[in-house]
Amino acid sequence: MPVSTRKHLEALRAADQRALEIKQRADEQALALAREGQTYRDEQANRLREQIAQERIEARERESKLLTKEEYDRRHEDLQKVVGQLVTAQAEGGGRSAGFDKLIAYGIGAAAVVVALITQFH
């Protein structure tokens, strides 16, 4: 069946029009997918930035709780002085307190004997 040139050209134009519409829909879908992909990547980048910022804040908080070497040395010297004073006091007063402890122990023992004698005779 012979086709006229005019009908052939009209059929080619219609096919071109359909192909153009298909291409336009495909371009729109590709653009929508690209937007979704970019949105996802942006969200992930924002989460990563927030995580890094939070970790930096936490690191600063940890650092602020740490002593400097100078502060540590000063506190260590203060503690050494206090311990030295305690050792000296213990050495100087050790004999007196040991004697006092023995006196209290003897007193408690004597009181126990008195209580035992009283309860035995009543």
Protein backbone atom coordinates (compact mmCIF):
# COMPACT_ATOMS: atom_id res chain seq x y z
CA MET A 1 0.00 0.00 0.00
CA PRO A 2 1.60 3.20 -1.13
CA VAL A 3 1.84 6.08 1.36
CA SER A 4 1.95 9.66 0.30
CA THR A 5 4.90 11.78 1.27
CA ARG A 6 2.65 14.06 3.24
CA LYS A 7 1.25 11.24 5.38
CA HIS A 8 4.75 9.87 5.81
CA LEU A 9 6.02 13.24 7.07
CA GLU A 10 3.02 13.60 9.40
CA ALA A 11 3.72 10.14 10.84
CA LEU A 12 7.40 11.09 11.33
CA ARG A 13 6.38 14.34 13.09
CA ALA A 14 3.97 12.45 15.36
CA ALA A 15 6.70 9.94 16.19
CA ASP A 16 9.14 12.79 16.86
CA GLN A 17 6.54 14.48 19.08
CA ARG A 18 6.01 11.27 21.10
CA ALA A 19 9.78 10.78 21.38
CA LEU A 20 10.15 14.39 22.55
CA GLU A 21 7.42 13.91 25.18
CA ILE A 22 9.06 10.68 26.37
CA LYS A 23 12.44 12.44 26.56
CA GLN A 24 10.90 15.36 28.48
CA ARG A 25 9.29 12.99 31.03
CA ALA A 26 12.59 11.11 31.37
CA ASP A 27 14.44 14.41 31.91
CA GLU A 28 11.91 15.46 34.57
CA GLN A 29 12.27 12.12 36.35
CA ALA A 30 16.05 12.30 36.14
CA LEU A 31 15.94 15.82 37.59
CA ALA A 32 13.63 14.67 40.41
CA LEU A 33 15.98 11.76 41.20
CA ALA A 34 18.97 14.10 41.14
CA ARG A 35 17.16 16.43 43.59
CA GLU A 36 16.37 13.50 45.90
CA GLY A 37 19.98 12.33 45.74
CA GLN A 38 21.29 15.82 46.47
CA THR A 39 18.83 16.23 49.35
CA TYR A 40 19.99 12.92 50.82
CA ARG A 41 23.66 13.88 50.48
CA ASP A 42 22.96 17.29 52.05
CA GLU A 43 21.17 15.67 55.00
CA GLN A 44 24.04 13.24 55.52
CA ALA A 45 26.58 16.08 55.35
CA ASN A 46 24.54 18.10 57.87
CA ARG A 47 24.37 15.12 60.23
CA LEU A 48 28.11 14.65 59.93
CA ARG A 49 28.71 18.37 60.62
CA GLU A 50 26.44 18.21 63.67
CA GLN A 51 28.24 15.09 64.93
CA ILE A 52 31.64 16.72 64.48
CA ALA A 53 30.44 19.90 66.22
CA GLN A 54 29.05 17.85 69.14
CA GLU A 55 32.29 15.88 69.42
CA ARG A 56 34.27 19.14 69.49
CA ILE A 57 32.03 20.50 72.26
CA GLU A 58 32.47 17.28 74.26
CA ALA A 59 36.24 17.40 73.71
CA ARG A 60 36.36 21.01 74.96
CA GLU A 61 34.33 20.01 78.03
CA ARG A 62 36.72 17.14 78.74
CA GLU A 63 39.71 19.44 78.30
CA SER A 64 38.22 22.03 80.63
CA LYS A 65 37.98 19.38 83.35
CA LEU A 66 41.66 18.46 83.04
CA LEU A 67 44.27 20.09 85.23
CA THR A 68 47.13 21.98 83.74
CA LYS A 69 50.60 20.77 84.69
CA GLU A 70 51.11 23.90 86.80
CA GLU A 71 47.83 23.36 88.69
CA TYR A 72 48.65 19.67 89.20
CA ASP A 73 52.13 20.53 90.54
CA ARG A 74 50.69 23.15 92.92
CA ARG A 75 48.07 20.76 94.29
CA HIS A 76 50.64 17.97 94.57
CA GLU A 77 52.93 20.21 96.62
CA ASP A 78 50.00 21.15 98.91
CA LEU A 79 49.20 17.47 99.44
CA GLN A 80 52.84 16.67 100.14
CA LYS A 81 52.88 19.38 102.84
CA VAL A 82 49.72 17.99 104.48
CA VAL A 83 51.01 14.41 104.39
CA GLY A 84 54.35 15.59 105.80
CA GLN A 85 52.54 17.32 108.66
CA LEU A 86 50.50 14.20 109.37
CA VAL A 87 53.59 11.99 109.38
CA THR A 88 55.34 14.40 111.74
CA ALA A 89 52.32 14.56 114.04
CA GLN A 90 52.05 10.77 114.07
CA ALA A 91 55.74 10.39 114.87
CA GLU A 92 55.64 12.98 117.64
CA GLY A 93 52.34 11.94 119.20
CA GLY A 94 52.42 8.20 118.55
CA GLY A 95 53.76 7.30 121.99
CA ARG A 96 51.23 9.43 123.84
CA SER A 97 48.26 8.15 121.89
CA ALA A 98 49.39 4.53 122.27
CA GLY A 99 49.58 5.00 126.04
CA PHE A 100 46.18 6.68 126.09
CA ASP A 101 44.68 3.81 124.05
CA LYS A 102 46.07 1.29 126.57
CA LEU A 103 44.61 3.30 129.48
CA ILE A 104 41.16 3.26 127.87
CA ALA A 105 41.44 -0.49 127.20
CA TYR A 106 42.36 -1.15 130.85
CA GLY A 107 39.48 1.07 132.00
CA ILE A 108 36.97 -0.81 129.85
CA GLY A 109 38.37 -4.15 131.10
CA ALA A 110 38.09 -3.03 134.73
CA ALA A 111 34.52 -1.84 134.20
CA ALA A 112 33.64 -5.22 132.69
CA VAL A 113 35.07 -7.02 135.72
CA VAL A 114 33.09 -4.77 138.09
CA VAL A 115 29.86 -5.37 136.15
CA ALA A 116 30.50 -9.12 136.17
CA LEU A 117 31.10 -9.14 139.97
CA ILE A 118 27.99 -7.07 140.65
CA THR A 119 25.76 -9.30 138.55
CA GLN A 120 27.22 -12.40 140.17
CA PHE A 121 26.43 -11.30 143.71
CA HIS A 122 22.92 -10.05 143.07
